[in-house]
PDB file of N, CA and C in Angstrom:
ATOM      1  N   MET A   1      96.411  92.112  87.973  1.00  0.00           N
ATOM      2  CA  MET A   1      95.197  91.585  87.390  1.00  0.00           C
ATOM      3  C   MET A   1      95.456  90.160  86.931  1.00  0.00           C
ATOM      4  N   LEU A   2      94.572  89.258  87.275  1.00  0.00           N
ATOM      5  CA  LEU A   2      94.669  87.871  86.843  1.00  0.00           C
ATOM      6  C   LEU A   2      93.549  87.588  85.858  1.00  0.00           C
ATOM      7  N   SER A   3      93.839  86.951  84.779  1.00  0.00           N
ATOM      8  CA  SER A   3      92.814  86.575  83.813  1.00  0.00           C
ATOM      9  C   SER A   3      93.340  85.411  82.991  1.00  0.00           C
ATOM     10  N   HIS A   4      92.550  84.361  82.892  1.00  0.00           N
ATOM     11  CA  HIS A   4      92.997  83.168  82.167  1.00  0.00           C
ATOM     12  C   HIS A   4      91.988  82.739  81.105  1.00  0.00           C
ATOM     13  N   GLY A   5      91.237  83.676  80.557  1.00  0.00           N
ATOM     14  CA  GLY A   5      90.304  83.345  79.500  1.00  0.00           C
ATOM     15  C   GLY A   5      89.016  82.695  79.963  1.00  0.00           C
ATOM     16  N   TYR A   6      88.749  82.708  81.245  1.00  0.00           N
ATOM     17  CA  TYR A   6      87.537  82.107  81.779  1.00  0.00           C
ATOM     18  C   TYR A   6      86.515  83.158  82.202  1.00  0.00           C
ATOM     19  N   GLY A   7      86.722  84.397  81.775  1.00  0.00           N
ATOM     20  CA  GLY A   7      85.792  85.456  82.159  1.00  0.00           C
ATOM     21  C   GLY A   7      85.981  85.920  83.588  1.00  0.00           C
ATOM     22  N   LEU A   8      87.137  85.646  84.133  1.00  0.00           N
ATOM     23  CA  LEU A   8      87.422  86.027  85.510  1.00  0.00           C
ATOM     24  C   LEU A   8      88.657  86.904  85.537  1.00  0.00           C
ATOM     25  N   GLY A   9      88.547  88.016  86.205  1.00  0.00           N
ATOM     26  CA  GLY A   9      89.701  88.887  86.388  1.00  0.00           C
ATOM     27  C   GLY A   9      89.682  89.441  87.798  1.00  0.00           C
ATOM     28  N   ILE A  10      90.801  89.394  88.453  1.00  0.00           N
ATOM     29  CA  ILE A  10      90.916  89.903  89.819  1.00  0.00           C
ATOM     30  C   ILE A  10      92.116  90.824  89.862  1.00  0.00           C
ATOM     31  N   GLY A  11      91.926  91.991  90.404  1.00  0.00           N
ATOM     32  CA  GLY A  11      93.034  92.926  90.538  1.00  0.00           C
ATOM     33  C   GLY A  11      92.943  93.661  91.857  1.00  0.00           C
ATOM     34  N   VAL A  12      94.068  93.940  92.432  1.00  0.00           N
ATOM     35  CA  VAL A  12      94.136  94.763  93.639  1.00  0.00           C
ATOM     36  C   VAL A  12      94.888  96.017  93.232  1.00  0.00           C
ATOM     37  N   VAL A  13      94.155  97.112  93.141  1.00  0.00           N
ATOM     38  CA  VAL A  13      94.728  98.376  92.688  1.00  0.00           C
ATOM     39  C   VAL A  13      94.227  99.499  93.581  1.00  0.00           C
ATOM     40  N   PRO A  14      94.951 100.594  93.660  1.00  0.00           N
ATOM     41  CA  PRO A  14      94.471 101.738  94.434  1.00  0.00           C
ATOM     42  C   PRO A  14      93.158 102.262  93.853  1.00  0.00           C
ATOM     43  N   ARG A  15      92.273 102.704  94.720  1.00  0.00           N
ATOM     44  CA  ARG A  15      90.967 103.213  94.313  1.00  0.00           C
ATOM     45  C   ARG A  15      91.095 104.312  93.265  1.00  0.00           C
ATOM     46  N   GLY A  16      92.031 105.210  93.455  1.00  0.00           N
ATOM     47  CA  GLY A  16      92.206 106.308  92.515  1.00  0.00           C
ATOM     48  C   GLY A  16      92.626 105.859  91.131  1.00  0.00           C
ATOM     49  N   ALA A  17      93.270 104.706  91.039  1.00  0.00           N
ATOM     50  CA  ALA A  17      93.743 104.215  89.749  1.00  0.00           C
ATOM     51  C   ALA A  17      92.622 103.622  88.906  1.00  0.00           C
ATOM     52  N   ILE A  18      91.561 103.155  89.514  1.00  0.00           N
ATOM     53  CA  ILE A  18      90.487 102.489  88.770  1.00  0.00           C
ATOM     54  C   ILE A  18      89.239 103.351  88.639  1.00  0.00           C
ATOM     55  N   ARG A  19      89.082 104.327  89.504  1.00  0.00           N
ATOM     56  CA  ARG A  19      87.850 105.119  89.571  1.00  0.00           C
ATOM     57  C   ARG A  19      87.403 105.646  88.212  1.00  0.00           C
ATOM     58  N   GLN A  20      88.306 106.178  87.420  1.00  0.00           N
ATOM     59  CA  GLN A  20      87.921 106.786  86.148  1.00  0.00           C
ATOM     60  C   GLN A  20      87.522 105.752  85.094  1.00  0.00           C
ATOM     61  N   TYR A  21      87.873 104.491  85.281  1.00  0.00           N
ATOM     62  CA  TYR A  21      87.587 103.467  84.283  1.00  0.00           C
ATOM     63  C   TYR A  21      86.343 102.640  84.587  1.00  0.00           C
ATOM     64  N   VAL A  22      85.865 102.673  85.811  1.00  0.00           N
ATOM     65  CA  VAL A  22      84.788 101.785  86.235  1.00  0.00           C
ATOM     66  C   VAL A  22      83.481 102.063  85.501  1.00  0.00           C
ATOM     67  N   GLY A  23      83.189 103.313  85.192  1.00  0.00           N
ATOM     68  CA  GLY A  23      81.912 103.670  84.585  1.00  0.00           C
ATOM     69  C   GLY A  23      81.554 102.866  83.354  1.00  0.00           C
ATOM     70  N   GLY A  24      82.487 102.645  82.452  1.00  0.00           N
ATOM     71  CA  GLY A  24      82.204 101.934  81.216  1.00  0.00           C
ATOM     72  C   GLY A  24      82.395 100.431  81.289  1.00  0.00           C
ATOM     73  N   LEU A  25      82.836  99.936  82.407  1.00  0.00           N
ATOM     74  CA  LEU A  25      83.104  98.503  82.551  1.00  0.00           C
ATOM     75  C   LEU A  25      82.041  97.839  83.406  1.00  0.00           C
ATOM     76  N   ARG A  26      81.854  96.576  83.185  1.00  0.00           N
ATOM     77  CA  ARG A  26      80.936  95.809  84.032  1.00  0.00           C
ATOM     78  C   ARG A  26      81.757  95.139  85.128  1.00  0.00           C
ATOM     79  N   VAL A  27      82.197  95.945  86.054  1.00  0.00           N
ATOM     80  CA  VAL A  27      83.012  95.420  87.145  1.00  0.00           C
ATOM     81  C   VAL A  27      82.420  95.845  88.474  1.00  0.00           C
ATOM     82  N   LYS A  28      82.721  95.091  89.466  1.00  0.00           N
ATOM     83  CA  LYS A  28      82.312  95.401  90.830  1.00  0.00           C
ATOM     84  C   LYS A  28      83.562  95.806  91.591  1.00  0.00           C
ATOM     85  N   VAL A  29      83.522  96.955  92.233  1.00  0.00           N
ATOM     86  CA  VAL A  29      84.655  97.440  93.015  1.00  0.00           C
ATOM     87  C   VAL A  29      84.353  97.193  94.488  1.00  0.00           C
ATOM     88  N   LEU A  30      85.213  96.461  95.130  1.00  0.00           N
ATOM     89  CA  LEU A  30      85.069  96.165  96.554  1.00  0.00           C
ATOM     90  C   LEU A  30      86.230  96.794  97.300  1.00  0.00           C
ATOM     91  N   SER A  31      85.937  97.400  98.418  1.00  0.00           N
ATOM     92  CA  SER A  31      86.992  97.982  99.245  1.00  0.00           C
ATOM     93  C   SER A  31      87.538  96.924 100.189  1.00  0.00           C
ATOM     94  N   ILE A  32      88.845  96.878 100.315  1.00  0.00           N
ATOM     95  CA  ILE A  32      89.492  95.991 101.279  1.00  0.00           C
ATOM     96  C   ILE A  32      89.780  96.843 102.510  1.00  0.00           C
ATOM     97  N   ARG A  33      89.164  96.492 103.602  1.00  0.00           N
ATOM     98  CA  ARG A  33      89.288  97.310 104.804  1.00  0.00           C
ATOM     99  C   ARG A  33      90.182  96.672 105.874  1.00  0.00           C
ATOM    100  N   ASP A  34      90.817  95.574 105.540  1.00  0.00           N
ATOM    101  CA  ASP A  34      91.715  94.923 106.494  1.00  0.00           C
ATOM    102  C   ASP A  34      92.931  95.807 106.753  1.00  0.00           C
ATOM    103  N   ASP A  35      93.488  95.682 107.933  1.00  0.00           N
ATOM    104  CA  ASP A  35      94.648  96.496 108.301  1.00  0.00           C
ATOM    105  C   ASP A  35      95.815  96.331 107.331  1.00  0.00           C
ATOM    106  N   TRP A  36      96.025  95.115 106.816  1.00  0.00           N
ATOM    107  CA  TRP A  36      97.162  94.876 105.929  1.00  0.00           C
ATOM    108  C   TRP A  36      97.046  95.657 104.627  1.00  0.00           C
ATOM    109  N   ALA A  37      95.828  96.053 104.263  1.00  0.00           N
ATOM    110  CA  ALA A  37      95.619  96.743 102.990  1.00  0.00           C
ATOM    111  C   ALA A  37      95.860  98.247 103.087  1.00  0.00           C
ATOM    112  N   ARG A  38      95.972  98.763 104.277  1.00  0.00           N
ATOM    113  CA  ARG A  38      96.210 100.200 104.446  1.00  0.00           C
ATOM    114  C   ARG A  38      97.673 100.502 104.160  1.00  0.00           C
ATOM    115  N   ARG A  39      97.884 101.535 103.364  1.00  0.00           N
ATOM    116  CA  ARG A  39      99.250 101.908 102.995  1.00  0.00           C
ATOM    117  C   ARG A  39      99.658 103.178 103.720  1.00  0.00           C
ATOM    118  N   LYS A  40     100.895 103.242 104.049  1.00  0.00           N
ATOM    119  CA  LYS A  40     101.488 104.458 104.604  1.00  0.00           C
ATOM    120  C   LYS A  40     102.469 104.981 103.576  1.00  0.00           C
ATOM    121  N   LEU A  41     102.194 106.142 103.058  1.00  0.00           N
ATOM    122  CA  LEU A  41     103.103 106.760 102.104  1.00  0.00           C
ATOM    123  C   LEU A  41     103.952 107.776 102.850  1.00  0.00           C
ATOM    124  N   ARG A  42     105.196 107.847 102.491  1.00  0.00           N
ATOM    125  CA  ARG A  42     106.115 108.758 103.173  1.00  0.00           C
ATOM    126  C   ARG A  42     106.804 109.656 102.164  1.00  0.00           C
ATOM    127  N   ILE A  43     107.191 110.813 102.644  1.00  0.00           N
ATOM    128  CA  ILE A  43     107.939 111.769 101.835  1.00  0.00           C
ATOM    129  C   ILE A  43     109.307 111.908 102.489  1.00  0.00           C
ATOM    130  N   TYR A  44     110.344 111.729 101.710  1.00  0.00           N
ATOM    131  CA  TYR A  44     111.705 111.875 102.222  1.00  0.00           C
ATOM    132  C   TYR A  44     112.375 113.035 101.502  1.00  0.00           C
ATOM    133  N   VAL A  45     112.937 113.935 102.264  1.00  0.00           N
ATOM    134  CA  VAL A  45     113.701 115.039 101.684  1.00  0.00           C
ATOM    135  C   VAL A  45     115.008 115.167 102.454  1.00  0.00           C
ATOM    136  N   LYS A  46     116.030 115.562 101.759  1.00  0.00           N
ATOM    137  CA  LYS A  46     117.333 115.720 102.396  1.00  0.00           C
ATOM    138  C   LYS A  46     117.335 116.949 103.299  1.00  0.00           C
ATOM    139  N   ASP A  47     116.808 118.056 102.804  1.00  0.00           N
ATOM    140  CA  ASP A  47     116.762 119.295 103.581  1.00  0.00           C
ATOM    141  C   ASP A  47     115.511 120.062 103.171  1.00  0.00           C
ATOM    142  N   ILE A  48     114.484 119.988 103.996  1.00  0.00           N
ATOM    143  CA  ILE A  48     113.199 120.601 103.647  1.00  0.00           C
ATOM    144  C   ILE A  48     113.317 122.108 103.440  1.00  0.00           C
ATOM    145  N   ASP A  49     114.263 122.731 104.110  1.00  0.00           N
ATOM    146  CA  ASP A  49     114.441 124.178 103.972  1.00  0.00           C
ATOM    147  C   ASP A  49     115.047 124.565 102.628  1.00  0.00           C
ATOM    148  N   ARG A  50     115.604 123.605 101.918  1.00  0.00           N
ATOM    149  CA  ARG A  50     116.229 123.904 100.625  1.00  0.00           C
ATOM    150  C   ARG A  50     115.342 123.535  99.438  1.00  0.00           C
ATOM    151  N   LEU A  51     114.118 123.100  99.708  1.00  0.00           N
ATOM    152  CA  LEU A  51     113.199 122.778  98.616  1.00  0.00           C
ATOM    153  C   LEU A  51     112.769 124.051  97.903  1.00  0.00           C
ATOM    154  N   SER A  52     112.463 123.922  96.632  1.00  0.00           N
ATOM    155  CA  SER A  52     111.913 125.065  95.895  1.00  0.00           C
ATOM    156  C   SER A  52     110.525 125.376  96.453  1.00  0.00           C
ATOM    157  N   MET A  53     110.024 126.557  96.157  1.00  0.00           N
ATOM    158  CA  MET A  53     108.693 126.935  96.631  1.00  0.00           C
ATOM    159  C   MET A  53     107.649 125.947  96.104  1.00  0.00           C
ATOM    160  N   ALA A  54     107.771 125.548  94.841  1.00  0.00           N
ATOM    161  CA  ALA A  54     106.816 124.602  94.265  1.00  0.00           C
ATOM    162  C   ALA A  54     106.849 123.268  95.009  1.00  0.00           C
ATOM    163  N   ALA A  55     108.044 122.785  95.322  1.00  0.00           N
ATOM    164  CA  ALA A  55     108.173 121.519  96.043  1.00  0.00           C
ATOM    165  C   ALA A  55     107.599 121.638  97.450  1.00  0.00           C
ATOM    166  N   LYS A  56     107.846 122.763  98.122  1.00  0.00           N
ATOM    167  CA  LYS A  56     107.285 122.970  99.465  1.00  0.00           C
ATOM    168  C   LYS A  56     105.768 122.979  99.423  1.00  0.00           C
ATOM    169  N   LEU A  57     105.203 123.668  98.437  1.00  0.00           N
ATOM    170  CA  LEU A  57     103.743 123.712  98.296  1.00  0.00           C
ATOM    171  C   LEU A  57     103.185 122.313  98.039  1.00  0.00           C
ATOM    172  N   PHE A  58     103.887 121.535  97.222  1.00  0.00           N
ATOM    173  CA  PHE A  58     103.451 120.173  96.934  1.00  0.00           C
ATOM    174  C   PHE A  58     103.486 119.312  98.195  1.00  0.00           C
ATOM    175  N   VAL A  59     104.558 119.391  98.952  1.00  0.00           N
ATOM    176  CA  VAL A  59     104.669 118.628 100.199  1.00  0.00           C
ATOM    177  C   VAL A  59     103.578 119.056 101.175  1.00  0.00           C
ATOM    178  N   ASP A  60     103.353 120.357 101.311  1.00  0.00           N
ATOM    179  CA  ASP A  60     102.292 120.847 102.192  1.00  0.00           C
ATOM    180  C   ASP A  60     100.930 120.309 101.761  1.00  0.00           C
ATOM    181  N   HIS A  61     100.691 120.282 100.458  1.00  0.00           N
ATOM    182  CA  HIS A  61      99.427 119.765  99.931  1.00  0.00           C
ATOM    183  C   HIS A  61      99.263 118.284 100.276  1.00  0.00           C
ATOM    184  N   LEU A  62     100.307 117.495 100.085  1.00  0.00           N
ATOM    185  CA  LEU A  62     100.230 116.071 100.397  1.00  0.00           C
ATOM    186  C   LEU A  62      99.958 115.840 101.881  1.00  0.00           C
ATOM    187  N   ILE A  63     100.601 116.623 102.725  1.00  0.00           N
ATOM    188  CA  ILE A  63     100.390 116.497 104.171  1.00  0.00           C
ATOM    189  C   ILE A  63      98.952 116.854 104.530  1.00  0.00           C
ATOM    190  N   GLU A  64      98.438 117.923 103.937  1.00  0.00           N
ATOM    191  CA  GLU A  64      97.059 118.344 104.206  1.00  0.00           C
ATOM    192  C   GLU A  64      96.059 117.284 103.737  1.00  0.00           C
ATOM    193  N   MET A  65      96.268 116.736 102.545  1.00  0.00           N
ATOM    194  CA  MET A  65      95.363 115.710 102.024  1.00  0.00           C
ATOM    195  C   MET A  65      95.401 114.457 102.896  1.00  0.00           C
ATOM    196  N   SER A  66      96.569 114.101 103.369  1.00  0.00           N
ATOM    197  CA  SER A  66      96.703 112.942 104.237  1.00  0.00           C
ATOM    198  C   SER A  66      95.939 113.150 105.539  1.00  0.00           C
ATOM    199  N   ALA A  67      96.059 114.337 106.111  1.00  0.00           N
ATOM    200  CA  ALA A  67      95.353 114.644 107.355  1.00  0.00           C
ATOM    201  C   ALA A  67      93.844 114.598 107.147  1.00  0.00           C
ATOM    202  N   GLN A  68      93.378 115.105 106.012  1.00  0.00           N
ATOM    203  CA  GLN A  68      91.943 115.079 105.719  1.00  0.00           C
ATOM    204  C   GLN A  68      91.444 113.647 105.583  1.00  0.00           C
ATOM    205  N   GLN A  69      92.188 112.816 104.890  1.00  0.00           N
ATOM    206  CA  GLN A  69      91.771 111.430 104.706  1.00  0.00           C
ATOM    207  C   GLN A  69      91.761 110.677 106.028  1.00  0.00           C
ATOM    208  N   GLU A  70      92.750 110.932 106.868  1.00  0.00           N
ATOM    209  CA  GLU A  70      92.779 110.266 108.173  1.00  0.00           C
ATOM    210  C   GLU A  70      91.597 110.688 109.027  1.00  0.00           C
ATOM    211  N   SER A  71      91.228 111.972 108.965  1.00  0.00           N
ATOM    212  CA  SER A  71      90.100 112.443 109.766  1.00  0.00           C
ATOM    213  C   SER A  71      88.784 111.850 109.274  1.00  0.00           C
ATOM    214  N   LEU A  72      88.721 111.487 107.994  1.00  0.00           N
ATOM    215  CA  LEU A  72      87.522 110.867 107.429  1.00  0.00           C
ATOM    216  C   LEU A  72      87.549 109.348 107.549  1.00  0.00           C
ATOM    217  N   GLY A  73      88.673 108.817 108.003  1.00  0.00           N
ATOM    218  CA  GLY A  73      88.808 107.373 108.136  1.00  0.00           C
ATOM    219  C   GLY A  73      89.013 106.667 106.814  1.00  0.00           C
ATOM    220  N   VAL A  74      89.541 107.387 105.829  1.00  0.00           N
ATOM    221  CA  VAL A  74      89.774 106.804 104.497  1.00  0.00           C
ATOM    222  C   VAL A  74      91.109 106.111 104.471  1.00  0.00           C
TER     223      VAL A  74
END
């Protein structure tokens, strides 16, 4: 976020990070749709077969959510 006391603030943040705060603020949220703005998140595990059940469920959930977002073009 940039702000120098001139009533101007610019920030580039993930949509999920700002969504809950926008309602009470007088801000305009713009989506950046350029290719450079798309993020690829990765999960690294040493041995997926040795993860706890909770960790496996979490990884499965992240994979499912990623697939859903890709199918929606998000």
